Amino acid sequence: MVLRVAAEVEAELDEIWSYVATESGDADVAERLINSITDHFFMLSKHPQLGRPRDHDLRSRSKEPVSRSVCHSSPNRGA
């Protein structure tokens, strides 16, 4: 299965890393947080039905909690 991360998500991850590294004063803390988030990407790529289905206009997506954030996924059935 191919894992694709949107450019917007990559930019947000960079912003999160920068903020956490600056606020904590420790790049390792920021790196561990980003790794924790991206580990969920890989888990969702292997198990696309994991998480709870969303309501309304996001019916084809599911969500998985990641710390205090939520990771939304949409399986690409054509891949």
Protein backbone atom coordinates (compact mmCIF):
# COMPACT_ATOMS: atom_id res chain seq x y z
CA MET A 1 0.00 0.00 0.00
CA VAL A 2 1.27 3.44 -0.90
CA LEU A 3 1.32 6.07 1.81
CA ARG A 4 0.87 9.62 0.57
CA VAL A 5 0.96 12.62 2.86
CA ALA A 6 -0.54 15.85 1.56
CA ALA A 7 1.80 18.82 1.24
CA GLU A 8 -0.39 20.73 3.70
CA VAL A 9 0.06 17.97 6.27
CA GLU A 10 3.83 17.97 5.77
CA ALA A 11 3.86 21.75 6.30
CA GLU A 12 1.77 21.39 9.47
CA LEU A 13 4.10 18.70 10.79
CA ASP A 14 7.05 21.04 10.18
CA GLU A 15 5.24 23.81 12.08
CA ILE A 16 4.42 21.45 14.94
CA TRP A 17 8.04 20.29 15.10
CA SER A 18 9.34 23.86 15.12
CA TYR A 19 6.89 24.99 17.80
CA VAL A 20 7.55 22.03 20.10
CA ALA A 21 11.33 22.25 19.65
CA THR A 22 11.26 25.98 20.43
CA GLU A 23 8.88 25.76 23.40
CA SER A 24 10.54 22.72 24.96
CA GLY A 25 14.07 23.69 24.04
CA ASP A 26 14.63 20.09 22.96
CA ALA A 27 14.61 18.90 19.36
CA ASP A 28 14.38 15.29 20.56
CA VAL A 29 11.00 16.01 22.19
CA ALA A 30 9.73 17.48 18.91
CA GLU A 31 11.10 14.52 16.95
CA ARG A 32 9.41 12.00 19.24
CA LEU A 33 6.07 13.79 18.90
CA ILE A 34 6.28 13.88 15.09
CA ASN A 35 7.31 10.22 15.03
CA SER A 36 4.31 9.37 17.21
CA ILE A 37 1.99 11.18 14.81
CA THR A 38 3.50 9.68 11.66
CA ASP A 39 3.46 6.18 13.19
CA HIS A 40 -0.32 6.51 13.12
CA PHE A 41 -0.13 7.29 9.38
CA PHE A 42 1.61 3.97 8.79
CA MET A 43 -0.82 2.11 11.04
CA LEU A 44 -3.76 3.60 9.14
CA SER A 45 -2.16 2.71 5.80
CA LYS A 46 -1.98 -0.94 6.89
CA HIS A 47 -5.45 -0.93 8.49
CA PRO A 48 -7.54 1.64 6.56
CA GLN A 49 -10.78 0.79 8.37
CA LEU A 50 -9.23 1.48 11.79
CA GLY A 51 -10.85 4.21 13.81
CA ARG A 52 -14.42 5.40 13.92
CA PRO A 53 -16.36 6.44 10.82
CA ARG A 54 -17.07 10.15 10.53
CA ASP A 55 -20.52 11.64 10.08
CA HIS A 56 -21.89 14.07 7.48
CA ASP A 57 -19.65 15.01 4.52
CA LEU A 58 -16.70 12.90 5.68
CA ARG A 59 -18.51 9.56 5.43
CA SER A 60 -15.70 7.85 3.50
CA ARG A 61 -13.14 8.87 6.12
CA SER A 62 -12.34 7.52 9.52
CA LYS A 63 -10.61 9.13 12.47
CA GLU A 64 -7.98 7.91 14.89
CA PRO A 65 -7.01 9.85 18.01
CA VAL A 66 -3.36 10.87 18.18
CA SER A 67 -2.62 12.49 21.52
CA ARG A 68 -4.96 15.51 21.62
CA SER A 69 -5.16 15.61 17.82
CA VAL A 70 -7.14 13.46 15.42
CA CYS A 71 -5.71 11.83 12.33
CA HIS A 72 -8.23 11.58 9.48
CA SER A 73 -7.74 8.96 6.79
CA SER A 74 -9.42 8.13 3.54
CA PRO A 75 -8.52 4.76 1.99
CA ASN A 76 -7.62 4.92 -1.67
CA ARG A 77 -9.50 1.94 -3.00
CA GLY A 78 -7.92 2.28 -6.44
CA ALA A 79 -4.34 1.65 -5.22
